[in-house]
Amino acid sequence: MEKFTVHTPGLVYLKANPSFSGDHNGMWYRFHYTGQALSVCVWPLPYCFDKTQDALKTFAEFPFDADGLAQAEHWVEQQYDRAPKQWAQSPFLPIAEPAPAQPPADAAPADSDDDAPPFDL
C-alpha cells in the first residue's frame, strides 16, 4: 500500500493565508493558523469544512513553528493510516449534469413572428 504523505505550503504561506486544506481518499484535512497556534482538523468527504457537522470533525492543535508543522502533518497522516477503509467509504458528491444550453438573452424566441402585432386587433 502506498504511504500517504501530507505536503503543506509552509509557515510563511499559513501566516499570510491562514487556512490550507486538501483531501486524500475520502478524508479532508485543514491546517488553520489561529494567530497563536496551528489548528488541524480531519473529516470525511463529501462536504467542505463549513458544511460538515462538528460531530464528524476531529481536531488537534500544535505550536506554530517548524516542529509544530511537522507534528501536524504527521498527525494528519496518522488519522488516515488508522482507518483507510473507513475514509474510502466516505461518499463522493455526484458529478452535476451540465445545464441545458440557453439561447442568448437578446435572441428572439424560436417560434416568434416579428411582424405580428403584440395583440389581436
PDB file of N, CA and C in Angstrom:
ATOM      1  N   MET A   1       0.843  -1.180   0.000  1.00  0.00           N
ATOM      2  CA  MET A   1       0.000   0.000   0.000  1.00  0.00           C
ATOM      3  C   MET A   1       0.890   1.246   0.000  1.00  0.00           C
ATOM      4  N   GLU A   2       0.497   2.214  -0.782  1.00  0.00           N
ATOM      5  CA  GLU A   2       1.262   3.459  -0.886  1.00  0.00           C
ATOM      6  C   GLU A   2       1.107   4.296   0.387  1.00  0.00           C
ATOM      7  N   LYS A   3       2.192   4.855   0.853  1.00  0.00           N
ATOM      8  CA  LYS A   3       2.192   5.696   2.057  1.00  0.00           C
ATOM      9  C   LYS A   3       1.629   7.076   1.724  1.00  0.00           C
ATOM     10  N   PHE A   4       0.679   7.522   2.539  1.00  0.00           N
ATOM     11  CA  PHE A   4       0.093   8.851   2.385  1.00  0.00           C
ATOM     12  C   PHE A   4       0.987   9.870   3.088  1.00  0.00           C
ATOM     13  N   THR A   5       1.371  10.913   2.387  1.00  0.00           N
ATOM     14  CA  THR A   5       2.208  11.976   2.935  1.00  0.00           C
ATOM     15  C   THR A   5       1.543  13.316   2.691  1.00  0.00           C
ATOM     16  N   VAL A   6       1.407  14.108   3.737  1.00  0.00           N
ATOM     17  CA  VAL A   6       0.834  15.447   3.628  1.00  0.00           C
ATOM     18  C   VAL A   6       1.940  16.422   3.241  1.00  0.00           C
ATOM     19  N   HIS A   7       1.658  17.261   2.270  1.00  0.00           N
ATOM     20  CA  HIS A   7       2.587  18.318   1.865  1.00  0.00           C
ATOM     21  C   HIS A   7       1.877  19.657   2.033  1.00  0.00           C
ATOM     22  N   THR A   8       2.346  20.462   2.958  1.00  0.00           N
ATOM     23  CA  THR A   8       1.767  21.786   3.161  1.00  0.00           C
ATOM     24  C   THR A   8       2.676  22.835   2.529  1.00  0.00           C
ATOM     25  N   PRO A   9       2.128  24.020   2.251  1.00  0.00           N
ATOM     26  CA  PRO A   9       2.959  25.058   1.640  1.00  0.00           C
ATOM     27  C   PRO A   9       3.926  25.725   2.613  1.00  0.00           C
ATOM     28  N   GLY A  10       3.794  25.474   3.907  1.00  0.00           N
ATOM     29  CA  GLY A  10       4.747  26.004   4.867  1.00  0.00           C
ATOM     30  C   GLY A  10       4.205  27.122   5.734  1.00  0.00           C
ATOM     31  N   LEU A  11       5.023  27.531   6.706  1.00  0.00           N
ATOM     32  CA  LEU A  11       4.617  28.517   7.709  1.00  0.00           C
ATOM     33  C   LEU A  11       4.392  29.910   7.125  1.00  0.00           C
ATOM     34  N   VAL A  12       5.217  30.320   6.181  1.00  0.00           N
ATOM     35  CA  VAL A  12       5.056  31.653   5.582  1.00  0.00           C
ATOM     36  C   VAL A  12       3.699  31.750   4.888  1.00  0.00           C
ATOM     37  N   TYR A  13       3.345  30.715   4.138  1.00  0.00           N
ATOM     38  CA  TYR A  13       2.040  30.692   3.465  1.00  0.00           C
ATOM     39  C   TYR A  13       0.915  30.742   4.495  1.00  0.00           C
ATOM     40  N   LEU A  14       1.003  29.911   5.538  1.00  0.00           N
ATOM     41  CA  LEU A  14      -0.060  29.848   6.536  1.00  0.00           C
ATOM     42  C   LEU A  14      -0.198  31.147   7.328  1.00  0.00           C
ATOM     43  N   LYS A  15       0.873  31.872   7.468  1.00  0.00           N
ATOM     44  CA  LYS A  15       0.778  33.159   8.165  1.00  0.00           C
ATOM     45  C   LYS A  15       0.070  34.191   7.279  1.00  0.00           C
ATOM     46  N   ALA A  16       0.309  34.132   5.973  1.00  0.00           N
ATOM     47  CA  ALA A  16      -0.316  35.074   5.039  1.00  0.00           C
ATOM     48  C   ALA A  16      -1.724  34.636   4.636  1.00  0.00           C
ATOM     49  N   ASN A  17      -1.957  33.327   4.560  1.00  0.00           N
ATOM     50  CA  ASN A  17      -3.238  32.742   4.161  1.00  0.00           C
ATOM     51  C   ASN A  17      -3.592  31.721   5.231  1.00  0.00           C
ATOM     52  N   PRO A  18      -4.332  32.115   6.246  1.00  0.00           N
ATOM     53  CA  PRO A  18      -4.459  31.300   7.452  1.00  0.00           C
ATOM     54  C   PRO A  18      -4.983  29.871   7.286  1.00  0.00           C
ATOM     55  N   SER A  19      -5.621  29.538   6.188  1.00  0.00           N
ATOM     56  CA  SER A  19      -6.129  28.168   6.040  1.00  0.00           C
ATOM     57  C   SER A  19      -5.583  27.490   4.796  1.00  0.00           C
ATOM     58  N   PHE A  20      -5.311  26.219   4.958  1.00  0.00           N
ATOM     59  CA  PHE A  20      -4.875  25.370   3.848  1.00  0.00           C
ATOM     60  C   PHE A  20      -5.578  24.036   4.011  1.00  0.00           C
ATOM     61  N   SER A  21      -6.216  23.554   2.957  1.00  0.00           N
ATOM     62  CA  SER A  21      -6.894  22.268   3.061  1.00  0.00           C
ATOM     63  C   SER A  21      -6.579  21.397   1.862  1.00  0.00           C
ATOM     64  N   GLY A  22      -6.820  20.108   2.046  1.00  0.00           N
ATOM     65  CA  GLY A  22      -6.622  19.134   0.994  1.00  0.00           C
ATOM     66  C   GLY A  22      -7.426  17.896   1.319  1.00  0.00           C
ATOM     67  N   ASP A  23      -7.312  16.896   0.464  1.00  0.00           N
ATOM     68  CA  ASP A  23      -8.019  15.646   0.738  1.00  0.00           C
ATOM     69  C   ASP A  23      -7.206  14.471   0.243  1.00  0.00           C
ATOM     70  N   HIS A  24      -7.554  13.315   0.773  1.00  0.00           N
ATOM     71  CA  HIS A  24      -6.905  12.075   0.348  1.00  0.00           C
ATOM     72  C   HIS A  24      -7.870  10.922   0.567  1.00  0.00           C
ATOM     73  N   ASN A  25      -8.270  10.267  -0.511  1.00  0.00           N
ATOM     74  CA  ASN A  25      -9.095   9.049  -0.474  1.00  0.00           C
ATOM     75  C   ASN A  25     -10.236   9.092   0.535  1.00  0.00           C
ATOM     76  N   GLY A  26     -11.029  10.145   0.503  1.00  0.00           N
ATOM     77  CA  GLY A  26     -12.206  10.228   1.370  1.00  0.00           C
ATOM     78  C   GLY A  26     -12.028  11.032   2.636  1.00  0.00           C
ATOM     79  N   MET A  27     -10.820  11.523   2.896  1.00  0.00           N
ATOM     80  CA  MET A  27     -10.561  12.308   4.109  1.00  0.00           C
ATOM     81  C   MET A  27     -10.143  13.726   3.728  1.00  0.00           C
ATOM     82  N   TRP A  28     -10.874  14.695   4.228  1.00  0.00           N
ATOM     83  CA  TRP A  28     -10.460  16.096   4.119  1.00  0.00           C
ATOM     84  C   TRP A  28      -9.539  16.404   5.283  1.00  0.00           C
ATOM     85  N   TYR A  29      -8.621  17.343   5.077  1.00  0.00           N
ATOM     86  CA  TYR A  29      -7.814  17.861   6.177  1.00  0.00           C
ATOM     87  C   TYR A  29      -7.647  19.373   5.988  1.00  0.00           C
ATOM     88  N   ARG A  30      -7.499  20.064   7.119  1.00  0.00           N
ATOM     89  CA  ARG A  30      -7.389  21.534   7.089  1.00  0.00           C
ATOM     90  C   ARG A  30      -6.384  21.973   8.145  1.00  0.00           C
ATOM     91  N   PHE A  31      -5.442  22.828   7.735  1.00  0.00           N
ATOM     92  CA  PHE A  31      -4.485  23.463   8.626  1.00  0.00           C
ATOM     93  C   PHE A  31      -4.927  24.915   8.742  1.00  0.00           C
ATOM     94  N   HIS A  32      -5.076  25.404   9.972  1.00  0.00           N
ATOM     95  CA  HIS A  32      -5.561  26.769  10.167  1.00  0.00           C
ATOM     96  C   HIS A  32      -4.704  27.475  11.226  1.00  0.00           C
ATOM     97  N   TYR A  33      -4.101  28.592  10.809  1.00  0.00           N
ATOM     98  CA  TYR A  33      -3.292  29.403  11.727  1.00  0.00           C
ATOM     99  C   TYR A  33      -4.235  30.320  12.498  1.00  0.00           C
ATOM    100  N   THR A  34      -4.258  30.191  13.818  1.00  0.00           N
ATOM    101  CA  THR A  34      -5.185  30.961  14.657  1.00  0.00           C
ATOM    102  C   THR A  34      -4.593  32.281  15.135  1.00  0.00           C
ATOM    103  N   GLY A  35      -3.349  32.563  14.793  1.00  0.00           N
ATOM    104  CA  GLY A  35      -2.669  33.747  15.317  1.00  0.00           C
ATOM    105  C   GLY A  35      -1.787  33.382  16.501  1.00  0.00           C
ATOM    106  N   GLN A  36      -2.077  32.244  17.112  1.00  0.00           N
ATOM    107  CA  GLN A  36      -1.294  31.761  18.251  1.00  0.00           C
ATOM    108  C   GLN A  36      -0.739  30.361  18.009  1.00  0.00           C
ATOM    109  N   ALA A  37      -1.537  29.527  17.361  1.00  0.00           N
ATOM    110  CA  ALA A  37      -1.168  28.121  17.184  1.00  0.00           C
ATOM    111  C   ALA A  37      -1.644  27.628  15.821  1.00  0.00           C
ATOM    112  N   LEU A  38      -1.374  26.369  15.553  1.00  0.00           N
ATOM    113  CA  LEU A  38      -1.804  25.731  14.319  1.00  0.00           C
ATOM    114  C   LEU A  38      -2.884  24.715  14.672  1.00  0.00           C
ATOM    115  N   SER A  39      -4.107  25.003  14.255  1.00  0.00           N
ATOM    116  CA  SER A  39      -5.233  24.100  14.484  1.00  0.00           C
ATOM    117  C   SER A  39      -5.384  23.219  13.250  1.00  0.00           C
ATOM    118  N   VAL A  40      -5.492  21.922  13.473  1.00  0.00           N
ATOM    119  CA  VAL A  40      -5.598  20.973  12.368  1.00  0.00           C
ATOM    120  C   VAL A  40      -6.858  20.146  12.566  1.00  0.00           C
ATOM    121  N   CYS A  41      -7.526  19.848  11.458  1.00  0.00           N
ATOM    122  CA  CYS A  41      -8.781  19.112  11.518  1.00  0.00           C
ATOM    123  C   CYS A  41      -8.845  18.112  10.373  1.00  0.00           C
ATOM    124  N   VAL A  42      -9.451  16.958  10.648  1.00  0.00           N
ATOM    125  CA  VAL A  42      -9.769  15.985   9.596  1.00  0.00           C
ATOM    126  C   VAL A  42     -11.254  15.671   9.692  1.00  0.00           C
ATOM    127  N   TRP A  43     -11.864  15.357   8.538  1.00  0.00           N
ATOM    128  CA  TRP A  43     -13.275  14.979   8.498  1.00  0.00           C
ATOM    129  C   TRP A  43     -13.540  14.234   7.195  1.00  0.00           C
ATOM    130  N   PRO A  44     -14.637  13.482   7.140  1.00  0.00           N
ATOM    131  CA  PRO A  44     -14.931  12.709   5.931  1.00  0.00           C
ATOM    132  C   PRO A  44     -15.535  13.559   4.823  1.00  0.00           C
ATOM    133  N   LEU A  45     -15.274  13.143   3.589  1.00  0.00           N
ATOM    134  CA  LEU A  45     -15.951  13.757   2.458  1.00  0.00           C
ATOM    135  C   LEU A  45     -17.439  13.460   2.597  1.00  0.00           C
ATOM    136  N   PRO A  46     -18.349  14.138   1.965  1.00  0.00           N
ATOM    137  CA  PRO A  46     -18.142  14.918   0.768  1.00  0.00           C
ATOM    138  C   PRO A  46     -18.102  16.423   0.996  1.00  0.00           C
ATOM    139  N   TYR A  47     -18.488  16.912   2.157  1.00  0.00           N
ATOM    140  CA  TYR A  47     -18.686  18.353   2.314  1.00  0.00           C
ATOM    141  C   TYR A  47     -17.447  19.089   2.800  1.00  0.00           C
ATOM    142  N   CYS A  48     -17.402  20.394   2.494  1.00  0.00           N
ATOM    143  CA  CYS A  48     -16.304  21.247   2.937  1.00  0.00           C
ATOM    144  C   CYS A  48     -16.381  21.448   4.450  1.00  0.00           C
ATOM    145  N   PHE A  49     -15.377  22.066   5.006  1.00  0.00           N
ATOM    146  CA  PHE A  49     -15.283  22.288   6.449  1.00  0.00           C
ATOM    147  C   PHE A  49     -16.523  22.982   6.993  1.00  0.00           C
ATOM    148  N   ASP A  50     -16.942  24.073   6.357  1.00  0.00           N
ATOM    149  CA  ASP A  50     -18.068  24.858   6.861  1.00  0.00           C
ATOM    150  C   ASP A  50     -19.399  24.134   6.776  1.00  0.00           C
ATOM    151  N   LYS A  51     -19.538  23.188   5.871  1.00  0.00           N
ATOM    152  CA  LYS A  51     -20.811  22.489   5.671  1.00  0.00           C
ATOM    153  C   LYS A  51     -20.860  21.121   6.350  1.00  0.00           C
ATOM    154  N   THR A  52     -19.798  20.749   7.056  1.00  0.00           N
ATOM    155  CA  THR A  52     -19.751  19.460   7.748  1.00  0.00           C
ATOM    156  C   THR A  52     -20.117  19.646   9.210  1.00  0.00           C
ATOM    157  N   GLN A  53     -20.909  18.725   9.734  1.00  0.00           N
ATOM    158  CA  GLN A  53     -21.288  18.773  11.149  1.00  0.00           C
ATOM    159  C   GLN A  53     -20.040  18.669  12.025  1.00  0.00           C
ATOM    160  N   ASP A  54     -20.012  19.454  13.102  1.00  0.00           N
ATOM    161  CA  ASP A  54     -18.861  19.438  14.006  1.00  0.00           C
ATOM    162  C   ASP A  54     -18.607  18.055  14.604  1.00  0.00           C
ATOM    163  N   ALA A  55     -19.664  17.267  14.780  1.00  0.00           N
ATOM    164  CA  ALA A  55     -19.518  15.933  15.361  1.00  0.00           C
ATOM    165  C   ALA A  55     -18.676  15.011  14.483  1.00  0.00           C
ATOM    166  N   LEU A  56     -18.552  15.317  13.198  1.00  0.00           N
ATOM    167  CA  LEU A  56     -17.776  14.490  12.276  1.00  0.00           C
ATOM    168  C   LEU A  56     -16.326  14.940  12.160  1.00  0.00           C
ATOM    169  N   LYS A  57     -15.968  16.029  12.815  1.00  0.00           N
ATOM    170  CA  LYS A  57     -14.619  16.593  12.713  1.00  0.00           C
ATOM    171  C   LYS A  57     -13.761  16.166  13.901  1.00  0.00           C
ATOM    172  N   THR A  58     -12.472  15.938  13.640  1.00  0.00           N
ATOM    173  CA  THR A  58     -11.504  15.644  14.691  1.00  0.00           C
ATOM    174  C   THR A  58     -10.429  16.721  14.631  1.00  0.00           C
ATOM    175  N   PHE A  59     -10.171  17.367  15.773  1.00  0.00           N
ATOM    176  CA  PHE A  59      -9.241  18.491  15.844  1.00  0.00           C
ATOM    177  C   PHE A  59      -8.007  18.146  16.666  1.00  0.00           C
ATOM    178  N   ALA A  60      -6.942  18.848  16.377  1.00  0.00           N
ATOM    179  CA  ALA A  60      -5.720  18.823  17.195  1.00  0.00           C
ATOM    180  C   ALA A  60      -5.059  20.191  17.042  1.00  0.00           C
ATOM    181  N   GLU A  61      -4.260  20.572  18.029  1.00  0.00           N
ATOM    182  CA  GLU A  61      -3.586  21.871  17.990  1.00  0.00           C
ATOM    183  C   GLU A  61      -2.095  21.667  18.225  1.00  0.00           C
ATOM    184  N   PHE A  62      -1.298  22.461  17.496  1.00  0.00           N
ATOM    185  CA  PHE A  62       0.156  22.340  17.538  1.00  0.00           C
ATOM    186  C   PHE A  62       0.775  23.732  17.606  1.00  0.00           C
ATOM    187  N   PRO A  63       2.020  23.831  18.092  1.00  0.00           N
ATOM    188  CA  PRO A  63       2.707  25.118  18.090  1.00  0.00           C
ATOM    189  C   PRO A  63       2.918  25.599  16.648  1.00  0.00           C
ATOM    190  N   PHE A  64       2.879  26.911  16.473  1.00  0.00           N
ATOM    191  CA  PHE A  64       3.092  27.463  15.131  1.00  0.00           C
ATOM    192  C   PHE A  64       4.584  27.712  14.922  1.00  0.00           C
ATOM    193  N   ASP A  65       5.296  26.621  14.673  1.00  0.00           N
ATOM    194  CA  ASP A  65       6.718  26.668  14.334  1.00  0.00           C
ATOM    195  C   ASP A  65       7.016  25.450  13.463  1.00  0.00           C
ATOM    196  N   ALA A  66       8.252  25.307  13.033  1.00  0.00           N
ATOM    197  CA  ALA A  66       8.609  24.222  12.113  1.00  0.00           C
ATOM    198  C   ALA A  66       8.333  22.848  12.720  1.00  0.00           C
ATOM    199  N   ASP A  67       8.651  22.674  14.000  1.00  0.00           N
ATOM    200  CA  ASP A  67       8.388  21.385  14.646  1.00  0.00           C
ATOM    201  C   ASP A  67       6.886  21.127  14.753  1.00  0.00           C
ATOM    202  N   GLY A  68       6.138  22.156  15.100  1.00  0.00           N
ATOM    203  CA  GLY A  68       4.683  22.013  15.204  1.00  0.00           C
ATOM    204  C   GLY A  68       4.055  21.656  13.869  1.00  0.00           C
ATOM    205  N   LEU A  69       4.546  22.267  12.791  1.00  0.00           N
ATOM    206  CA  LEU A  69       4.019  21.954  11.458  1.00  0.00           C
ATOM    207  C   LEU A  69       4.324  20.503  11.097  1.00  0.00           C
ATOM    208  N   ALA A  70       5.539  20.046  11.387  1.00  0.00           N
ATOM    209  CA  ALA A  70       5.900  18.649  11.112  1.00  0.00           C
ATOM    210  C   ALA A  70       5.032  17.690  11.931  1.00  0.00           C
ATOM    211  N   GLN A  71       4.793  18.031  13.196  1.00  0.00           N
ATOM    212  CA  GLN A  71       3.927  17.208  14.043  1.00  0.00           C
ATOM    213  C   GLN A  71       2.495  17.182  13.503  1.00  0.00           C
ATOM    214  N   ALA A  72       2.008  18.329  13.035  1.00  0.00           N
ATOM    215  CA  ALA A  72       0.653  18.417  12.497  1.00  0.00           C
ATOM    216  C   ALA A  72       0.504  17.579  11.226  1.00  0.00           C
ATOM    217  N   GLU A  73       1.496  17.664  10.355  1.00  0.00           N
ATOM    218  CA  GLU A  73       1.460  16.849   9.129  1.00  0.00           C
ATOM    219  C   GLU A  73       1.448  15.359   9.486  1.00  0.00           C
ATOM    220  N   HIS A  74       2.282  14.978  10.431  1.00  0.00           N
ATOM    221  CA  HIS A  74       2.341  13.582  10.868  1.00  0.00           C
ATOM    222  C   HIS A  74       1.008  13.154  11.496  1.00  0.00           C
ATOM    223  N   TRP A  75       0.382  14.021  12.278  1.00  0.00           N
ATOM    224  CA  TRP A  75      -0.902  13.714  12.906  1.00  0.00           C
ATOM    225  C   TRP A  75      -1.967  13.429  11.846  1.00  0.00           C
ATOM    226  N   VAL A  76      -2.010  14.248  10.790  1.00  0.00           N
ATOM    227  CA  VAL A  76      -2.987  14.024   9.715  1.00  0.00           C
ATOM    228  C   VAL A  76      -2.726  12.675   9.050  1.00  0.00           C
ATOM    229  N   GLU A  77      -1.478  12.375   8.781  1.00  0.00           N
ATOM    230  CA  GLU A  77      -1.133  11.086   8.170  1.00  0.00           C
ATOM    231  C   GLU A  77      -1.575   9.924   9.067  1.00  0.00           C
ATOM    232  N   GLN A  78      -1.387  10.062  10.376  1.00  0.00           N
ATOM    233  CA  GLN A  78      -1.817   9.026  11.321  1.00  0.00           C
ATOM    234  C   GLN A  78      -3.336   8.857  11.308  1.00  0.00           C
ATOM    235  N   GLN A  79      -4.056   9.968  11.224  1.00  0.00           N
ATOM    236  CA  GLN A  79      -5.518   9.884  11.192  1.00  0.00           C
ATOM    237  C   GLN A  79      -5.982   9.058   9.997  1.00  0.00           C
ATOM    238  N   TYR A  80      -5.329   9.249   8.872  1.00  0.00           N
ATOM    239  CA  TYR A  80      -5.679   8.462   7.687  1.00  0.00           C
ATOM    240  C   TYR A  80      -5.257   7.000   7.863  1.00  0.00           C
ATOM    241  N   ASP A  81      -4.018   6.779   8.313  1.00  0.00           N
ATOM    242  CA  ASP A  81      -3.470   5.423   8.415  1.00  0.00           C
ATOM    243  C   ASP A  81      -4.227   4.548   9.411  1.00  0.00           C
ATOM    244  N   ARG A  82      -4.895   5.145  10.383  1.00  0.00           N
ATOM    245  CA  ARG A  82      -5.648   4.358  11.375  1.00  0.00           C
ATOM    246  C   ARG A  82      -6.857   3.657  10.766  1.00  0.00           C
ATOM    247  N   ALA A  83      -7.444   4.231   9.726  1.00  0.00           N
ATOM    248  CA  ALA A  83      -8.665   3.644   9.165  1.00  0.00           C
ATOM    249  C   ALA A  83      -8.843   3.988   7.690  1.00  0.00           C
ATOM    250  N   PRO A  84      -7.926   3.562   6.824  1.00  0.00           N
ATOM    251  CA  PRO A  84      -8.044   3.925   5.412  1.00  0.00           C
ATOM    252  C   PRO A  84      -9.330   3.415   4.760  1.00  0.00           C
ATOM    253  N   LYS A  85      -9.814   2.244   5.178  1.00  0.00           N
ATOM    254  CA  LYS A  85     -11.051   1.711   4.599  1.00  0.00           C
ATOM    255  C   LYS A  85     -12.256   2.569   4.998  1.00  0.00           C
ATOM    256  N   GLN A  86     -12.246   3.058   6.229  1.00  0.00           N
ATOM    257  CA  GLN A  86     -13.337   3.935   6.683  1.00  0.00           C
ATOM    258  C   GLN A  86     -13.384   5.203   5.842  1.00  0.00           C
ATOM    259  N   TRP A  87     -12.230   5.808   5.617  1.00  0.00           N
ATOM    260  CA  TRP A  87     -12.188   7.039   4.817  1.00  0.00           C
ATOM    261  C   TRP A  87     -12.628   6.756   3.387  1.00  0.00           C
ATOM    262  N   ALA A  88     -12.209   5.627   2.854  1.00  0.00           N
ATOM    263  CA  ALA A  88     -12.548   5.293   1.468  1.00  0.00           C
ATOM    264  C   ALA A  88     -14.049   5.093   1.280  1.00  0.00           C
ATOM    265  N   GLN A  89     -14.776   4.834   2.361  1.00  0.00           N
ATOM    266  CA  GLN A  89     -16.224   4.653   2.273  1.00  0.00           C
ATOM    267  C   GLN A  89     -16.981   5.973   2.307  1.00  0.00           C
ATOM    268  N   SER A  90     -16.285   7.082   2.511  1.00  0.00           N
ATOM    269  CA  SER A  90     -16.951   8.386   2.530  1.00  0.00           C
ATOM    270  C   SER A  90     -17.584   8.640   1.170  1.00  0.00           C
ATOM    271  N   PRO A  91     -18.820   9.093   1.155  1.00  0.00           N
ATOM    272  CA  PRO A  91     -19.486   9.305  -0.143  1.00  0.00           C
ATOM    273  C   PRO A  91     -18.916  10.500  -0.883  1.00  0.00           C
ATOM    274  N   PHE A  92     -18.815  10.347  -2.168  1.00  0.00           N
ATOM    275  CA  PHE A  92     -18.395  11.455  -3.010  1.00  0.00           C
ATOM    276  C   PHE A  92     -19.641  12.139  -3.534  1.00  0.00           C
ATOM    277  N   LEU A  93     -19.561  13.423  -3.759  1.00  0.00           N
ATOM    278  CA  LEU A  93     -20.687  14.123  -4.361  1.00  0.00           C
ATOM    279  C   LEU A  93     -20.810  13.684  -5.815  1.00  0.00           C
ATOM    280  N   PRO A  94     -22.035  13.493  -6.293  1.00  0.00           N
ATOM    281  CA  PRO A  94     -22.179  13.118  -7.699  1.00  0.00           C
ATOM    282  C   PRO A  94     -21.756  14.271  -8.600  1.00  0.00           C
ATOM    283  N   ILE A  95     -21.282  13.923  -9.767  1.00  0.00           N
ATOM    284  CA  ILE A  95     -20.899  14.939 -10.739  1.00  0.00           C
ATOM    285  C   ILE A  95     -22.187  15.540 -11.300  1.00  0.00           C
ATOM    286  N   ALA A  96     -22.292  16.831 -11.244  1.00  0.00           N
ATOM    287  CA  ALA A  96     -23.502  17.505 -11.711  1.00  0.00           C
ATOM    288  C   ALA A  96     -23.600  17.434 -13.229  1.00  0.00           C
ATOM    289  N   GLU A  97     -24.816  17.238 -13.696  1.00  0.00           N
ATOM    290  CA  GLU A  97     -25.064  17.264 -15.130  1.00  0.00           C
ATOM    291  C   GLU A  97     -25.020  18.712 -15.600  1.00  0.00           C
ATOM    292  N   PRO A  98     -24.425  18.981 -16.753  1.00  0.00           N
ATOM    293  CA  PRO A  98     -24.414  20.365 -17.236  1.00  0.00           C
ATOM    294  C   PRO A  98     -25.829  20.847 -17.530  1.00  0.00           C
ATOM    295  N   ALA A  99     -26.066  22.104 -17.262  1.00  0.00           N
ATOM    296  CA  ALA A  99     -27.377  22.702 -17.534  1.00  0.00           C
ATOM    297  C   ALA A  99     -27.585  22.777 -19.043  1.00  0.00           C
ATOM    298  N   PRO A 100     -28.833  22.657 -19.486  1.00  0.00           N
ATOM    299  CA  PRO A 100     -29.075  22.777 -20.924  1.00  0.00           C
ATOM    300  C   PRO A 100     -28.667  24.157 -21.420  1.00  0.00           C
ATOM    301  N   ALA A 101     -28.211  24.204 -22.656  1.00  0.00           N
ATOM    302  CA  ALA A 101     -27.776  25.475 -23.234  1.00  0.00           C
ATOM    303  C   ALA A 101     -28.955  26.436 -23.321  1.00  0.00           C
ATOM    304  N   GLN A 102     -28.714  27.657 -22.947  1.00  0.00           N
ATOM    305  CA  GLN A 102     -29.744  28.697 -23.002  1.00  0.00           C
ATOM    306  C   GLN A 102     -29.451  29.605 -24.189  1.00  0.00           C
ATOM    307  N   PRO A 103     -30.501  30.024 -24.930  1.00  0.00           N
ATOM    308  CA  PRO A 103     -30.256  30.968 -26.028  1.00  0.00           C
ATOM    309  C   PRO A 103     -29.790  32.302 -25.455  1.00  0.00           C
ATOM    310  N   PRO A 104     -29.038  33.078 -26.227  1.00  0.00           N
ATOM    311  CA  PRO A 104     -28.601  34.387 -25.743  1.00  0.00           C
ATOM    312  C   PRO A 104     -29.802  35.245 -25.351  1.00  0.00           C
ATOM    313  N   ALA A 105     -29.613  36.111 -24.375  1.00  0.00           N
ATOM    314  CA  ALA A 105     -30.699  36.945 -23.866  1.00  0.00           C
ATOM    315  C   ALA A 105     -31.299  37.840 -24.945  1.00  0.00           C
ATOM    316  N   ASP A 106     -30.501  38.254 -25.913  1.00  0.00           N
ATOM    317  CA  ASP A 106     -31.016  39.151 -26.951  1.00  0.00           C
ATOM    318  C   ASP A 106     -31.615  38.399 -28.140  1.00  0.00           C
ATOM    319  N   ALA A 107     -31.630  37.076 -28.089  1.00  0.00           N
ATOM    320  CA  ALA A 107     -32.195  36.288 -29.199  1.00  0.00           C
ATOM    321  C   ALA A 107     -33.714  36.249 -29.090  1.00  0.00           C
ATOM    322  N   ALA A 108     -34.360  36.332 -30.225  1.00  0.00           N
ATOM    323  CA  ALA A 108     -35.820  36.246 -30.265  1.00  0.00           C
ATOM    324  C   ALA A 108     -36.222  34.796 -30.042  1.00  0.00           C
ATOM    325  N   PRO A 109     -37.399  34.560 -29.437  1.00  0.00           N
ATOM    326  CA  PRO A 109     -37.861  33.188 -29.257  1.00  0.00           C
ATOM    327  C   PRO A 109     -37.964  32.486 -30.611  1.00  0.00           C
ATOM    328  N   ALA A 110     -37.730  31.197 -30.645  1.00  0.00           N
ATOM    329  CA  ALA A 110     -37.694  30.428 -31.886  1.00  0.00           C
ATOM    330  C   ALA A 110     -39.012  30.470 -32.647  1.00  0.00           C
ATOM    331  N   ASP A 111     -40.147  30.488 -31.959  1.00  0.00           N
ATOM    332  CA  ASP A 111     -41.434  30.477 -32.640  1.00  0.00           C
ATOM    333  C   ASP A 111     -42.034  31.888 -32.748  1.00  0.00           C
ATOM    334  N   SER A 112     -41.233  32.885 -32.603  1.00  0.00           N
ATOM    335  CA  SER A 112     -41.694  34.265 -32.644  1.00  0.00           C
ATOM    336  C   SER A 112     -41.910  34.727 -34.084  1.00  0.00           C
ATOM    337  N   ASP A 113     -42.891  35.577 -34.253  1.00  0.00           N
ATOM    338  CA  ASP A 113     -43.147  36.189 -35.559  1.00  0.00           C
ATOM    339  C   ASP A 113     -42.997  37.690 -35.350  1.00  0.00           C
ATOM    340  N   ASP A 114     -41.861  38.240 -35.765  1.00  0.00           N
ATOM    341  CA  ASP A 114     -41.566  39.649 -35.502  1.00  0.00           C
ATOM    342  C   ASP A 114     -42.548  40.605 -36.176  1.00  0.00           C
ATOM    343  N   ASP A 115     -43.226  40.163 -37.244  1.00  0.00           N
ATOM    344  CA  ASP A 115     -44.153  41.034 -37.959  1.00  0.00           C
ATOM    345  C   ASP A 115     -45.545  41.053 -37.312  1.00  0.00           C
ATOM    346  N   ALA A 116     -45.835  40.152 -36.413  1.00  0.00           N
ATOM    347  CA  ALA A 116     -47.162  40.096 -35.817  1.00  0.00           C
ATOM    348  C   ALA A 116     -47.327  41.206 -34.797  1.00  0.00           C
ATOM    349  N   PRO A 117     -48.524  41.800 -34.703  1.00  0.00           N
ATOM    350  CA  PRO A 117     -48.758  42.821 -33.679  1.00  0.00           C
ATOM    351  C   PRO A 117     -48.729  42.164 -32.296  1.00  0.00           C
ATOM    352  N   PRO A 118     -48.474  42.960 -31.241  1.00  0.00           N
ATOM    353  CA  PRO A 118     -48.360  42.405 -29.915  1.00  0.00           C
ATOM    354  C   PRO A 118     -49.688  41.918 -29.348  1.00  0.00           C
ATOM    355  N   PHE A 119     -50.830  42.231 -30.026  1.00  0.00           N
ATOM    356  CA  PHE A 119     -52.149  41.820 -29.552  1.00  0.00           C
ATOM    357  C   PHE A 119     -53.064  41.709 -30.763  1.00  0.00           C
ATOM    358  N   ASP A 120     -54.216  41.065 -30.574  1.00  0.00           N
ATOM    359  CA  ASP A 120     -55.184  40.932 -31.653  1.00  0.00           C
ATOM    360  C   ASP A 120     -55.926  42.236 -31.843  1.00  0.00           C
ATOM    361  N   LEU A 121     -56.149  42.631 -33.128  1.00  0.00           N
ATOM    362  CA  LEU A 121     -56.885  43.855 -33.412  1.00  0.00           C
ATOM    363  C   LEU A 121     -58.342  43.602 -33.594  1.00  0.00           C
TER     364      LEU A 121
END
